[in-house]
Amino acid sequence: MATKKQIQIIHIAKQQLGIDEDTYRDILGQYGVKSSKDLTPEQAKGLIRYFQKFGFRIKIKYREGMITPKQIGYLKYLWQSNPKVRNKSVEGLENFVKRIIKIDRLEWIPRNKVQKVIKAIESLK
């Protein structure tokens, strides 16, 4: 079963993209379900990525003491422009960050760890 957060994101995406109910049900049908609650976490992740291809953007809230959206953008830029990086996706960057500082998501990086990630990306060989 998809997480509560994933279901919320799916419904926000549906609203943001202006998807009507019939189209939404057709999309869910492609995943073999009738309701977003019936999706597995992996299917929900895939559906969110599908919506992102059509312009849905998850808004990242800034929290005190945590990485800023501007810093996240800079990390993504460094990652994608580094010729040593093979998997230039956000998932690839998040996997790298997890190996370096043991944190799963970019928006969870404490501000005092951002420099360590930047230096690690720049030192890739």
N, C-alpha and C. Protein backbone atom coordinates (compact mmCIF):
# COMPACT_ATOMS: atom_id res chain seq x y z
N MET A 1 0.83 -1.18 0.00
CA MET A 1 0.00 0.00 0.00
C MET A 1 0.88 1.25 0.00
N ALA A 2 0.53 2.20 -0.83
CA ALA A 2 1.28 3.46 -0.91
C ALA A 2 1.22 4.19 0.43
N THR A 3 2.26 4.97 0.71
CA THR A 3 2.26 5.72 1.96
C THR A 3 1.26 6.87 1.89
N LYS A 4 0.88 7.35 3.04
CA LYS A 4 -0.06 8.47 3.12
C LYS A 4 0.50 9.69 2.38
N LYS A 5 1.79 9.93 2.55
CA LYS A 5 2.45 11.07 1.89
C LYS A 5 2.41 10.92 0.37
N GLN A 6 2.67 9.70 -0.12
CA GLN A 6 2.63 9.46 -1.56
C GLN A 6 1.23 9.71 -2.12
N ILE A 7 0.22 9.26 -1.40
CA ILE A 7 -1.16 9.47 -1.84
C ILE A 7 -1.47 10.97 -1.89
N GLN A 8 -1.01 11.71 -0.88
CA GLN A 8 -1.22 13.16 -0.87
C GLN A 8 -0.55 13.81 -2.08
N ILE A 9 0.68 13.41 -2.37
CA ILE A 9 1.41 13.97 -3.51
C ILE A 9 0.70 13.65 -4.81
N ILE A 10 0.20 12.43 -4.96
CA ILE A 10 -0.52 12.04 -6.17
C ILE A 10 -1.75 12.91 -6.37
N HIS A 11 -2.49 13.16 -5.30
CA HIS A 11 -3.70 13.98 -5.42
C HIS A 11 -3.37 15.45 -5.69
N ILE A 12 -2.27 15.93 -5.13
CA ILE A 12 -1.82 17.30 -5.42
C ILE A 12 -1.43 17.40 -6.89
N ALA A 13 -0.73 16.38 -7.40
CA ALA A 13 -0.31 16.36 -8.80
C ALA A 13 -1.53 16.36 -9.72
N LYS A 14 -2.51 15.54 -9.39
CA LYS A 14 -3.75 15.47 -10.17
C LYS A 14 -4.38 16.85 -10.26
N GLN A 15 -4.44 17.53 -9.13
CA GLN A 15 -5.04 18.86 -9.08
C GLN A 15 -4.20 19.88 -9.86
N GLN A 16 -2.88 19.88 -9.63
CA GLN A 16 -1.97 20.83 -10.31
C GLN A 16 -2.03 20.67 -11.82
N LEU A 17 -2.09 19.43 -12.28
CA LEU A 17 -2.08 19.17 -13.72
C LEU A 17 -3.47 19.28 -14.34
N GLY A 18 -4.49 19.45 -13.52
CA GLY A 18 -5.85 19.60 -14.04
C GLY A 18 -6.38 18.33 -14.69
N ILE A 19 -6.06 17.18 -14.11
CA ILE A 19 -6.48 15.90 -14.66
C ILE A 19 -7.91 15.61 -14.21
N ASP A 20 -8.80 15.34 -15.19
CA ASP A 20 -10.19 15.03 -14.84
C ASP A 20 -10.28 13.61 -14.28
N GLU A 21 -11.40 13.31 -13.63
CA GLU A 21 -11.58 12.04 -12.93
C GLU A 21 -11.46 10.83 -13.85
N ASP A 22 -12.04 10.90 -15.05
CA ASP A 22 -11.99 9.76 -15.97
C ASP A 22 -10.55 9.47 -16.41
N THR A 23 -9.82 10.52 -16.75
CA THR A 23 -8.41 10.35 -17.15
C THR A 23 -7.60 9.79 -16.00
N TYR A 24 -7.85 10.31 -14.80
CA TYR A 24 -7.14 9.84 -13.60
C TYR A 24 -7.38 8.34 -13.39
N ARG A 25 -8.63 7.92 -13.52
CA ARG A 25 -8.96 6.49 -13.34
C ARG A 25 -8.29 5.64 -14.43
N ASP A 26 -8.22 6.18 -15.66
CA ASP A 26 -7.53 5.47 -16.73
C ASP A 26 -6.05 5.29 -16.41
N ILE A 27 -5.44 6.34 -15.88
CA ILE A 27 -4.01 6.28 -15.50
C ILE A 27 -3.82 5.23 -14.42
N LEU A 28 -4.67 5.26 -13.39
CA LEU A 28 -4.57 4.25 -12.32
C LEU A 28 -4.75 2.84 -12.88
N GLY A 29 -5.65 2.71 -13.86
CA GLY A 29 -5.89 1.41 -14.50
C GLY A 29 -4.64 0.84 -15.15
N GLN A 30 -3.76 1.72 -15.63
CA GLN A 30 -2.50 1.27 -16.23
C GLN A 30 -1.60 0.60 -15.18
N TYR A 31 -1.85 0.93 -13.91
CA TYR A 31 -1.10 0.32 -12.81
C TYR A 31 -1.86 -0.87 -12.21
N GLY A 32 -3.03 -1.19 -12.79
CA GLY A 32 -3.81 -2.33 -12.34
C GLY A 32 -4.58 -2.08 -11.05
N VAL A 33 -4.86 -0.82 -10.74
CA VAL A 33 -5.61 -0.48 -9.53
C VAL A 33 -6.75 0.49 -9.86
N LYS A 34 -7.69 0.60 -8.94
CA LYS A 34 -8.80 1.53 -9.13
C LYS A 34 -8.66 2.75 -8.22
N SER A 35 -7.81 2.65 -7.22
CA SER A 35 -7.62 3.74 -6.26
C SER A 35 -6.14 3.90 -5.97
N SER A 36 -5.71 5.13 -5.69
CA SER A 36 -4.29 5.37 -5.37
C SER A 36 -3.89 4.63 -4.09
N LYS A 37 -4.86 4.36 -3.22
CA LYS A 37 -4.56 3.64 -1.98
C LYS A 37 -4.13 2.20 -2.24
N ASP A 38 -4.50 1.67 -3.42
CA ASP A 38 -4.16 0.29 -3.76
C ASP A 38 -2.77 0.15 -4.40
N LEU A 39 -2.12 1.27 -4.69
CA LEU A 39 -0.78 1.23 -5.29
C LEU A 39 0.24 0.74 -4.27
N THR A 40 1.25 0.04 -4.75
CA THR A 40 2.39 -0.29 -3.88
C THR A 40 3.24 0.98 -3.77
N PRO A 41 4.12 1.07 -2.79
CA PRO A 41 5.00 2.24 -2.70
C PRO A 41 5.81 2.47 -3.98
N GLU A 42 6.26 1.39 -4.62
CA GLU A 42 7.03 1.53 -5.86
C GLU A 42 6.15 2.04 -7.01
N GLN A 43 4.93 1.53 -7.09
CA GLN A 43 4.01 2.01 -8.13
C GLN A 43 3.68 3.49 -7.91
N ALA A 44 3.48 3.87 -6.66
CA ALA A 44 3.18 5.27 -6.35
C ALA A 44 4.36 6.16 -6.75
N LYS A 45 5.56 5.70 -6.49
CA LYS A 45 6.76 6.44 -6.88
C LYS A 45 6.80 6.61 -8.40
N GLY A 46 6.48 5.53 -9.11
CA GLY A 46 6.45 5.58 -10.57
C GLY A 46 5.38 6.53 -11.09
N LEU A 47 4.21 6.53 -10.46
CA LEU A 47 3.13 7.42 -10.87
C LEU A 47 3.52 8.88 -10.64
N ILE A 48 4.17 9.15 -9.54
CA ILE A 48 4.62 10.53 -9.25
C ILE A 48 5.64 10.95 -10.31
N ARG A 49 6.56 10.07 -10.67
CA ARG A 49 7.53 10.38 -11.73
C ARG A 49 6.82 10.62 -13.06
N TYR A 50 5.79 9.83 -13.34
CA TYR A 50 4.98 10.00 -14.56
C TYR A 50 4.36 11.39 -14.58
N PHE A 51 3.79 11.82 -13.47
CA PHE A 51 3.20 13.16 -13.39
C PHE A 51 4.26 14.24 -13.55
N GLN A 52 5.46 13.99 -13.04
CA GLN A 52 6.54 14.97 -13.16
C GLN A 52 6.95 15.18 -14.62
N LYS A 53 6.84 14.15 -15.44
CA LYS A 53 7.15 14.28 -16.86
C LYS A 53 6.21 15.27 -17.55
N PHE A 54 5.02 15.43 -16.97
CA PHE A 54 4.02 16.34 -17.54
C PHE A 54 3.98 17.69 -16.84
N GLY A 55 5.00 17.97 -16.03
CA GLY A 55 5.13 19.30 -15.45
C GLY A 55 4.83 19.42 -13.98
N PHE A 56 4.43 18.35 -13.32
CA PHE A 56 4.19 18.43 -11.88
C PHE A 56 5.50 18.64 -11.15
N ARG A 57 5.51 19.57 -10.22
CA ARG A 57 6.70 19.84 -9.42
C ARG A 57 6.34 19.78 -7.94
N ILE A 58 7.14 19.07 -7.19
CA ILE A 58 6.96 19.01 -5.75
C ILE A 58 7.64 20.24 -5.17
N LYS A 59 6.89 21.01 -4.42
CA LYS A 59 7.44 22.22 -3.81
C LYS A 59 8.17 21.82 -2.54
N ILE A 60 9.42 22.24 -2.43
CA ILE A 60 10.23 21.93 -1.28
C ILE A 60 10.14 23.08 -0.29
N LYS A 61 9.76 22.75 0.92
CA LYS A 61 9.66 23.78 1.95
C LYS A 61 11.03 23.96 2.60
N TYR A 62 11.38 25.21 2.85
CA TYR A 62 12.65 25.53 3.49
C TYR A 62 12.47 25.42 5.01
N ARG A 63 13.38 24.73 5.65
CA ARG A 63 13.35 24.62 7.11
C ARG A 63 14.65 25.17 7.68
N GLU A 64 14.53 25.85 8.78
CA GLU A 64 15.68 26.46 9.46
C GLU A 64 16.74 25.40 9.76
N GLY A 65 17.99 25.69 9.44
CA GLY A 65 19.08 24.77 9.71
C GLY A 65 19.26 23.68 8.67
N MET A 66 18.41 23.69 7.65
CA MET A 66 18.48 22.67 6.62
C MET A 66 18.92 23.31 5.30
N ILE A 67 19.25 22.47 4.36
CA ILE A 67 19.65 22.93 3.03
C ILE A 67 18.55 23.81 2.42
N THR A 68 18.94 24.83 1.68
CA THR A 68 17.96 25.71 1.03
C THR A 68 17.67 25.18 -0.38
N PRO A 69 16.54 25.59 -0.95
CA PRO A 69 16.24 25.18 -2.33
C PRO A 69 17.34 25.62 -3.31
N LYS A 70 17.94 26.77 -3.07
CA LYS A 70 19.03 27.25 -3.93
C LYS A 70 20.24 26.31 -3.84
N GLN A 71 20.55 25.85 -2.64
CA GLN A 71 21.67 24.91 -2.47
C GLN A 71 21.36 23.57 -3.13
N ILE A 72 20.11 23.13 -3.05
CA ILE A 72 19.72 21.88 -3.73
C ILE A 72 19.94 22.04 -5.23
N GLY A 73 19.54 23.19 -5.77
CA GLY A 73 19.74 23.45 -7.19
C GLY A 73 21.22 23.41 -7.56
N TYR A 74 22.06 23.97 -6.69
CA TYR A 74 23.50 23.97 -6.95
C TYR A 74 24.06 22.55 -6.92
N LEU A 75 23.61 21.74 -5.95
CA LEU A 75 24.07 20.33 -5.90
C LEU A 75 23.67 19.59 -7.17
N LYS A 76 22.44 19.80 -7.62
CA LYS A 76 21.98 19.15 -8.86
C LYS A 76 22.81 19.60 -10.05
N TYR A 77 23.12 20.90 -10.11
CA TYR A 77 23.95 21.43 -11.19
C TYR A 77 25.33 20.78 -11.17
N LEU A 78 25.96 20.74 -9.99
CA LEU A 78 27.29 20.13 -9.88
C LEU A 78 27.24 18.66 -10.31
N TRP A 79 26.23 17.97 -9.86
CA TRP A 79 26.08 16.55 -10.15
C TRP A 79 25.92 16.30 -11.65
N GLN A 80 25.02 17.06 -12.27
CA GLN A 80 24.71 16.83 -13.68
C GLN A 80 25.80 17.33 -14.61
N SER A 81 26.59 18.28 -14.16
CA SER A 81 27.64 18.81 -15.04
C SER A 81 28.99 18.12 -14.83
N ASN A 82 29.08 17.22 -13.85
CA ASN A 82 30.33 16.51 -13.59
C ASN A 82 30.49 15.37 -14.59
N PRO A 83 31.55 15.40 -15.40
CA PRO A 83 31.72 14.36 -16.42
C PRO A 83 31.99 12.96 -15.84
N LYS A 84 32.37 12.87 -14.59
CA LYS A 84 32.64 11.57 -13.97
C LYS A 84 31.37 10.85 -13.52
N VAL A 85 30.25 11.57 -13.47
CA VAL A 85 28.99 10.99 -13.01
C VAL A 85 28.31 10.28 -14.16
N ARG A 86 27.97 9.00 -13.94
CA ARG A 86 27.27 8.24 -14.98
C ARG A 86 25.75 8.37 -14.86
N ASN A 87 25.22 8.25 -13.65
CA ASN A 87 23.78 8.37 -13.42
C ASN A 87 23.49 9.80 -12.97
N LYS A 88 23.10 10.65 -13.88
CA LYS A 88 22.93 12.07 -13.59
C LYS A 88 21.55 12.43 -13.05
N SER A 89 20.75 11.42 -12.71
CA SER A 89 19.40 11.67 -12.20
C SER A 89 19.45 12.13 -10.74
N VAL A 90 18.33 12.65 -10.26
CA VAL A 90 18.22 13.06 -8.86
C VAL A 90 18.37 11.82 -7.97
N GLU A 91 17.82 10.70 -8.41
CA GLU A 91 17.98 9.45 -7.66
C GLU A 91 19.45 9.08 -7.50
N GLY A 92 20.21 9.25 -8.57
CA GLY A 92 21.65 8.98 -8.51
C GLY A 92 22.34 9.88 -7.50
N LEU A 93 21.96 11.16 -7.51
CA LEU A 93 22.54 12.11 -6.54
C LEU A 93 22.13 11.73 -5.12
N GLU A 94 20.87 11.37 -4.92
CA GLU A 94 20.43 10.99 -3.58
C GLU A 94 21.14 9.74 -3.08
N ASN A 95 21.39 8.78 -3.99
CA ASN A 95 22.15 7.58 -3.60
C ASN A 95 23.56 7.95 -3.19
N PHE A 96 24.17 8.88 -3.94
CA PHE A 96 25.52 9.36 -3.62
C PHE A 96 25.53 10.03 -2.25
N VAL A 97 24.57 10.91 -2.01
CA VAL A 97 24.47 11.62 -0.73
C VAL A 97 24.30 10.63 0.42
N LYS A 98 23.50 9.60 0.19
CA LYS A 98 23.29 8.59 1.22
C LYS A 98 24.60 7.88 1.58
N ARG A 99 25.42 7.61 0.56
CA ARG A 99 26.72 6.98 0.83
C ARG A 99 27.65 7.92 1.58
N ILE A 100 27.61 9.20 1.25
CA ILE A 100 28.55 10.16 1.83
C ILE A 100 28.16 10.57 3.24
N ILE A 101 26.90 10.96 3.44
CA ILE A 101 26.50 11.49 4.75
C ILE A 101 25.34 10.73 5.40
N LYS A 102 24.94 9.58 4.81
CA LYS A 102 23.90 8.72 5.40
C LYS A 102 22.55 9.40 5.53
N ILE A 103 22.19 10.23 4.54
CA ILE A 103 20.89 10.91 4.53
C ILE A 103 20.21 10.58 3.21
N ASP A 104 18.93 10.19 3.29
CA ASP A 104 18.21 9.66 2.13
C ASP A 104 17.75 10.69 1.11
N ARG A 105 17.37 11.87 1.52
CA ARG A 105 16.77 12.85 0.61
C ARG A 105 17.55 14.15 0.64
N LEU A 106 17.61 14.83 -0.50
CA LEU A 106 18.36 16.08 -0.58
C LEU A 106 17.81 17.11 0.40
N GLU A 107 16.47 17.22 0.50
CA GLU A 107 15.89 18.26 1.35
C GLU A 107 16.07 17.99 2.84
N TRP A 108 16.62 16.83 3.19
CA TRP A 108 16.87 16.51 4.60
C TRP A 108 18.32 16.80 5.01
N ILE A 109 19.13 17.30 4.10
CA ILE A 109 20.54 17.56 4.40
C ILE A 109 20.64 18.76 5.34
N PRO A 110 21.30 18.58 6.49
CA PRO A 110 21.52 19.74 7.37
C PRO A 110 22.47 20.72 6.68
N ARG A 111 22.27 21.98 6.94
CA ARG A 111 23.08 23.00 6.27
C ARG A 111 24.58 22.80 6.54
N ASN A 112 24.93 22.30 7.72
CA ASN A 112 26.36 22.12 8.02
C ASN A 112 26.99 20.93 7.29
N LYS A 113 26.21 20.15 6.54
CA LYS A 113 26.75 19.03 5.77
C LYS A 113 26.82 19.33 4.27
N VAL A 114 26.28 20.46 3.84
CA VAL A 114 26.22 20.79 2.41
C VAL A 114 27.63 20.87 1.82
N GLN A 115 28.55 21.53 2.50
CA GLN A 115 29.92 21.67 2.00
C GLN A 115 30.59 20.32 1.79
N LYS A 116 30.34 19.39 2.70
CA LYS A 116 30.92 18.05 2.58
C LYS A 116 30.43 17.38 1.29
N VAL A 117 29.14 17.53 0.97
CA VAL A 117 28.58 16.94 -0.25
C VAL A 117 29.19 17.61 -1.48
N ILE A 118 29.28 18.94 -1.45
CA ILE A 118 29.86 19.69 -2.57
C ILE A 118 31.29 19.22 -2.84
N LYS A 119 32.09 19.13 -1.80
CA LYS A 119 33.48 18.70 -1.96
C LYS A 119 33.56 17.26 -2.47
N ALA A 120 32.66 16.41 -2.01
CA ALA A 120 32.65 15.02 -2.45
C ALA A 120 32.32 14.93 -3.95
N ILE A 121 31.36 15.74 -4.41
CA ILE A 121 31.01 15.73 -5.84
C ILE A 121 32.18 16.25 -6.67
N GLU A 122 32.79 17.34 -6.20
CA GLU A 122 33.91 17.94 -6.93
C GLU A 122 35.14 17.03 -6.98
N SER A 123 35.27 16.15 -6.00
CA SER A 123 36.47 15.29 -5.95
C SER A 123 36.26 13.94 -6.64
N LEU A 124 35.14 13.74 -7.28
CA LEU A 124 34.90 12.47 -7.98
C LEU A 124 35.96 12.23 -9.06
N LYS A 125 36.42 10.99 -9.15
CA LYS A 125 37.44 10.65 -10.13
C LYS A 125 36.94 9.61 -11.08
